Amino acid sequence: MPRTMIDLDKDLALELEHVASLTKQKRAAVLSQAIRAGLPVVAGHFQLPRPEGYFAHAYPRPKDRLELEAAMANVKQRLDR
């Protein structure tokens, strides 16, 4: 695998040293783990949000379930104490 060089600012370099000393791992291993954990977050910032109801077809509600929910909403509740 090719080696990659990155520039870190002073604060990030100090944080890297701190985490490496806590985990007893090499800095390269800590950086690899941080990049793997953070890449999905970075990619998510550049993806368009899903439109409203995007997954609705994946979770269809049966008609009787909707009728039951509507009926249950009209039932008066009482508290037993």
N, C-alpha and C. Protein backbone atom coordinates (compact mmCIF):
# COMPACT_ATOMS: atom_id res chain seq x y z
N MET A 1 0.85 -1.17 0.00
CA MET A 1 0.00 0.00 0.00
C MET A 1 0.90 1.24 0.00
N PRO A 2 0.54 2.23 -0.81
CA PRO A 2 1.39 3.43 -0.86
C PRO A 2 1.28 4.23 0.43
N ARG A 3 2.37 4.85 0.80
CA ARG A 3 2.36 5.70 1.98
C ARG A 3 1.79 7.05 1.61
N THR A 4 1.08 7.64 2.53
CA THR A 4 0.48 8.94 2.32
C THR A 4 0.96 9.87 3.42
N MET A 5 1.29 11.07 3.04
CA MET A 5 1.73 12.06 4.00
C MET A 5 0.62 13.07 4.23
N ILE A 6 0.38 13.43 5.50
CA ILE A 6 -0.61 14.45 5.80
C ILE A 6 0.01 15.47 6.73
N ASP A 7 -0.48 16.70 6.62
CA ASP A 7 -0.03 17.76 7.51
C ASP A 7 -1.06 17.94 8.62
N LEU A 8 -0.60 17.98 9.86
CA LEU A 8 -1.47 18.19 11.00
C LEU A 8 -1.14 19.52 11.65
N ASP A 9 -2.19 20.23 12.09
CA ASP A 9 -1.90 21.45 12.84
C ASP A 9 -1.44 21.06 14.24
N LYS A 10 -0.96 22.01 15.00
CA LYS A 10 -0.36 21.72 16.30
C LYS A 10 -1.35 21.07 17.25
N ASP A 11 -2.58 21.57 17.30
CA ASP A 11 -3.58 21.01 18.20
C ASP A 11 -3.92 19.56 17.85
N LEU A 12 -4.07 19.29 16.56
CA LEU A 12 -4.40 17.94 16.13
C LEU A 12 -3.24 16.99 16.39
N ALA A 13 -2.03 17.46 16.19
CA ALA A 13 -0.85 16.63 16.46
C ALA A 13 -0.77 16.27 17.95
N LEU A 14 -1.08 17.24 18.81
CA LEU A 14 -1.08 16.97 20.25
C LEU A 14 -2.17 15.97 20.61
N GLU A 15 -3.33 16.12 20.03
CA GLU A 15 -4.42 15.18 20.28
C GLU A 15 -4.06 13.78 19.80
N LEU A 16 -3.41 13.69 18.66
CA LEU A 16 -2.96 12.41 18.13
C LEU A 16 -1.98 11.75 19.11
N GLU A 17 -1.03 12.51 19.60
CA GLU A 17 -0.06 11.96 20.56
C GLU A 17 -0.77 11.48 21.82
N HIS A 18 -1.75 12.25 22.28
CA HIS A 18 -2.49 11.89 23.49
C HIS A 18 -3.24 10.56 23.30
N VAL A 19 -3.95 10.44 22.19
CA VAL A 19 -4.72 9.22 21.92
C VAL A 19 -3.78 8.04 21.71
N ALA A 20 -2.68 8.26 21.01
CA ALA A 20 -1.72 7.17 20.79
C ALA A 20 -1.15 6.69 22.12
N SER A 21 -0.90 7.60 23.05
CA SER A 21 -0.36 7.18 24.35
C SER A 21 -1.43 6.46 25.17
N LEU A 22 -2.68 6.89 25.06
CA LEU A 22 -3.77 6.21 25.78
C LEU A 22 -4.00 4.79 25.27
N THR A 23 -3.97 4.64 23.96
CA THR A 23 -4.29 3.34 23.36
C THR A 23 -3.07 2.44 23.21
N LYS A 24 -1.90 3.00 23.42
CA LYS A 24 -0.64 2.24 23.26
C LYS A 24 -0.49 1.71 21.84
N GLN A 25 -0.98 2.48 20.88
CA GLN A 25 -0.86 2.12 19.47
C GLN A 25 0.01 3.14 18.77
N LYS A 26 0.51 2.74 17.61
CA LYS A 26 1.31 3.67 16.81
C LYS A 26 0.40 4.78 16.27
N ARG A 27 1.01 5.93 16.01
CA ARG A 27 0.24 7.06 15.47
C ARG A 27 -0.44 6.70 14.16
N ALA A 28 0.23 5.93 13.31
CA ALA A 28 -0.35 5.55 12.02
C ALA A 28 -1.62 4.71 12.22
N ALA A 29 -1.60 3.83 13.21
CA ALA A 29 -2.78 3.00 13.48
C ALA A 29 -3.93 3.86 13.98
N VAL A 30 -3.63 4.83 14.86
CA VAL A 30 -4.67 5.72 15.37
C VAL A 30 -5.24 6.57 14.24
N LEU A 31 -4.38 7.08 13.38
CA LEU A 31 -4.86 7.86 12.24
C LEU A 31 -5.74 7.03 11.31
N SER A 32 -5.34 5.79 11.05
CA SER A 32 -6.15 4.92 10.19
C SER A 32 -7.52 4.68 10.78
N GLN A 33 -7.57 4.42 12.09
CA GLN A 33 -8.86 4.19 12.75
C GLN A 33 -9.73 5.45 12.71
N ALA A 34 -9.11 6.60 12.94
CA ALA A 34 -9.86 7.86 12.93
C ALA A 34 -10.41 8.15 11.53
N ILE A 35 -9.61 7.89 10.52
CA ILE A 35 -10.05 8.14 9.15
C ILE A 35 -11.19 7.18 8.78
N ARG A 36 -11.05 5.90 9.13
CA ARG A 36 -12.11 4.94 8.84
C ARG A 36 -13.42 5.31 9.53
N ALA A 37 -13.31 5.75 10.77
CA ALA A 37 -14.51 6.12 11.52
C ALA A 37 -15.13 7.42 10.99
N GLY A 38 -14.30 8.33 10.52
CA GLY A 38 -14.80 9.63 10.11
C GLY A 38 -15.20 9.77 8.66
N LEU A 39 -14.74 8.90 7.80
CA LEU A 39 -15.06 9.04 6.37
C LEU A 39 -16.56 8.98 6.08
N PRO A 40 -17.33 8.08 6.70
CA PRO A 40 -18.78 8.10 6.43
C PRO A 40 -19.44 9.42 6.83
N VAL A 41 -18.96 10.03 7.90
CA VAL A 41 -19.52 11.32 8.33
C VAL A 41 -19.22 12.39 7.28
N VAL A 42 -17.99 12.41 6.80
CA VAL A 42 -17.60 13.39 5.79
C VAL A 42 -18.40 13.17 4.51
N ALA A 43 -18.54 11.92 4.09
CA ALA A 43 -19.30 11.62 2.87
C ALA A 43 -20.76 12.02 3.03
N GLY A 44 -21.31 11.85 4.24
CA GLY A 44 -22.70 12.19 4.50
C GLY A 44 -22.99 13.67 4.33
N HIS A 45 -21.99 14.50 4.58
CA HIS A 45 -22.18 15.95 4.43
C HIS A 45 -22.35 16.35 2.97
N PHE A 46 -21.88 15.52 2.06
CA PHE A 46 -21.94 15.87 0.64
C PHE A 46 -23.04 15.14 -0.11
N GLN A 47 -23.83 14.31 0.59
CA GLN A 47 -24.94 13.62 -0.04
C GLN A 47 -26.21 14.42 0.18
N LEU A 48 -27.06 14.40 -0.80
CA LEU A 48 -28.34 15.08 -0.69
C LEU A 48 -29.23 14.34 0.30
N PRO A 49 -30.02 15.05 1.08
CA PRO A 49 -30.94 14.37 1.99
C PRO A 49 -32.02 13.62 1.21
N ARG A 50 -32.49 12.53 1.79
CA ARG A 50 -33.54 11.74 1.14
C ARG A 50 -34.85 12.52 1.16
N PRO A 51 -35.64 12.43 0.10
CA PRO A 51 -36.92 13.14 0.09
C PRO A 51 -37.89 12.53 1.10
N GLU A 52 -38.86 13.33 1.52
CA GLU A 52 -39.88 12.89 2.47
C GLU A 52 -40.58 11.64 1.93
N GLY A 53 -40.68 10.62 2.77
CA GLY A 53 -41.36 9.39 2.37
C GLY A 53 -40.52 8.48 1.51
N TYR A 54 -39.20 8.68 1.46
CA TYR A 54 -38.33 7.89 0.58
C TYR A 54 -38.41 6.40 0.88
N PHE A 55 -38.51 6.05 2.16
CA PHE A 55 -38.54 4.63 2.54
C PHE A 55 -39.96 4.12 2.80
N ALA A 56 -40.96 4.91 2.51
CA ALA A 56 -42.34 4.52 2.81
C ALA A 56 -42.74 3.23 2.09
N HIS A 57 -42.28 3.04 0.87
CA HIS A 57 -42.64 1.83 0.14
C HIS A 57 -41.99 0.58 0.74
N ALA A 58 -40.92 0.75 1.49
CA ALA A 58 -40.24 -0.39 2.10
C ALA A 58 -40.98 -0.89 3.34
N TYR A 59 -41.78 -0.05 3.95
CA TYR A 59 -42.50 -0.41 5.17
C TYR A 59 -43.99 -0.11 5.01
N PRO A 60 -44.68 -0.85 4.14
CA PRO A 60 -46.10 -0.56 3.94
C PRO A 60 -46.90 -0.94 5.18
N ARG A 61 -47.91 -0.14 5.47
CA ARG A 61 -48.80 -0.42 6.59
C ARG A 61 -50.08 -1.03 6.04
N PRO A 62 -50.48 -2.16 6.57
CA PRO A 62 -51.74 -2.74 6.11
C PRO A 62 -52.92 -1.84 6.49
N LYS A 63 -53.97 -1.90 5.69
CA LYS A 63 -55.13 -1.04 5.91
C LYS A 63 -55.73 -1.27 7.28
N ASP A 64 -55.81 -2.54 7.72
CA ASP A 64 -56.41 -2.83 9.02
C ASP A 64 -55.58 -2.24 10.16
N ARG A 65 -54.28 -2.12 9.98
CA ARG A 65 -53.43 -1.51 11.00
C ARG A 65 -53.76 -0.03 11.14
N LEU A 66 -53.98 0.66 10.03
CA LEU A 66 -54.34 2.07 10.07
C LEU A 66 -55.70 2.27 10.73
N GLU A 67 -56.65 1.37 10.44
CA GLU A 67 -57.97 1.45 11.07
C GLU A 67 -57.87 1.22 12.58
N LEU A 68 -57.03 0.25 12.99
CA LEU A 68 -56.84 -0.04 14.41
C LEU A 68 -56.22 1.17 15.12
N GLU A 69 -55.23 1.78 14.51
CA GLU A 69 -54.60 2.95 15.12
C GLU A 69 -55.60 4.09 15.28
N ALA A 70 -56.44 4.30 14.29
CA ALA A 70 -57.45 5.36 14.37
C ALA A 70 -58.46 5.04 15.47
N ALA A 71 -58.87 3.78 15.59
CA ALA A 71 -59.83 3.40 16.62
C ALA A 71 -59.21 3.53 18.02
N MET A 72 -57.97 3.13 18.18
CA MET A 72 -57.30 3.22 19.48
C MET A 72 -57.09 4.67 19.91
N ALA A 73 -56.99 5.56 18.96
CA ALA A 73 -56.81 6.97 19.30
C ALA A 73 -58.08 7.54 19.94
N ASN A 74 -59.24 6.91 19.67
CA ASN A 74 -60.50 7.39 20.21
C ASN A 74 -60.87 6.74 21.54
N VAL A 75 -60.12 5.73 21.99
CA VAL A 75 -60.41 5.04 23.25
C VAL A 75 -59.94 5.91 24.41
N LYS A 76 -60.85 6.09 25.39
CA LYS A 76 -60.48 6.86 26.58
C LYS A 76 -59.61 6.00 27.48
N GLN A 77 -58.57 6.57 27.99
CA GLN A 77 -57.65 5.87 28.88
C GLN A 77 -57.96 6.22 30.32
N ARG A 78 -57.78 5.29 31.23
CA ARG A 78 -57.92 5.58 32.64
C ARG A 78 -56.69 5.07 33.38
N LEU A 79 -56.34 5.75 34.41
CA LEU A 79 -55.18 5.38 35.21
C LEU A 79 -55.64 4.61 36.43
N ASP A 80 -55.10 3.43 36.67
CA ASP A 80 -55.37 2.68 37.90
C ASP A 80 -54.31 3.04 38.92
N ARG A 81 -54.76 3.49 40.05
CA ARG A 81 -53.77 3.86 41.08
C ARG A 81 -54.00 3.06 42.32
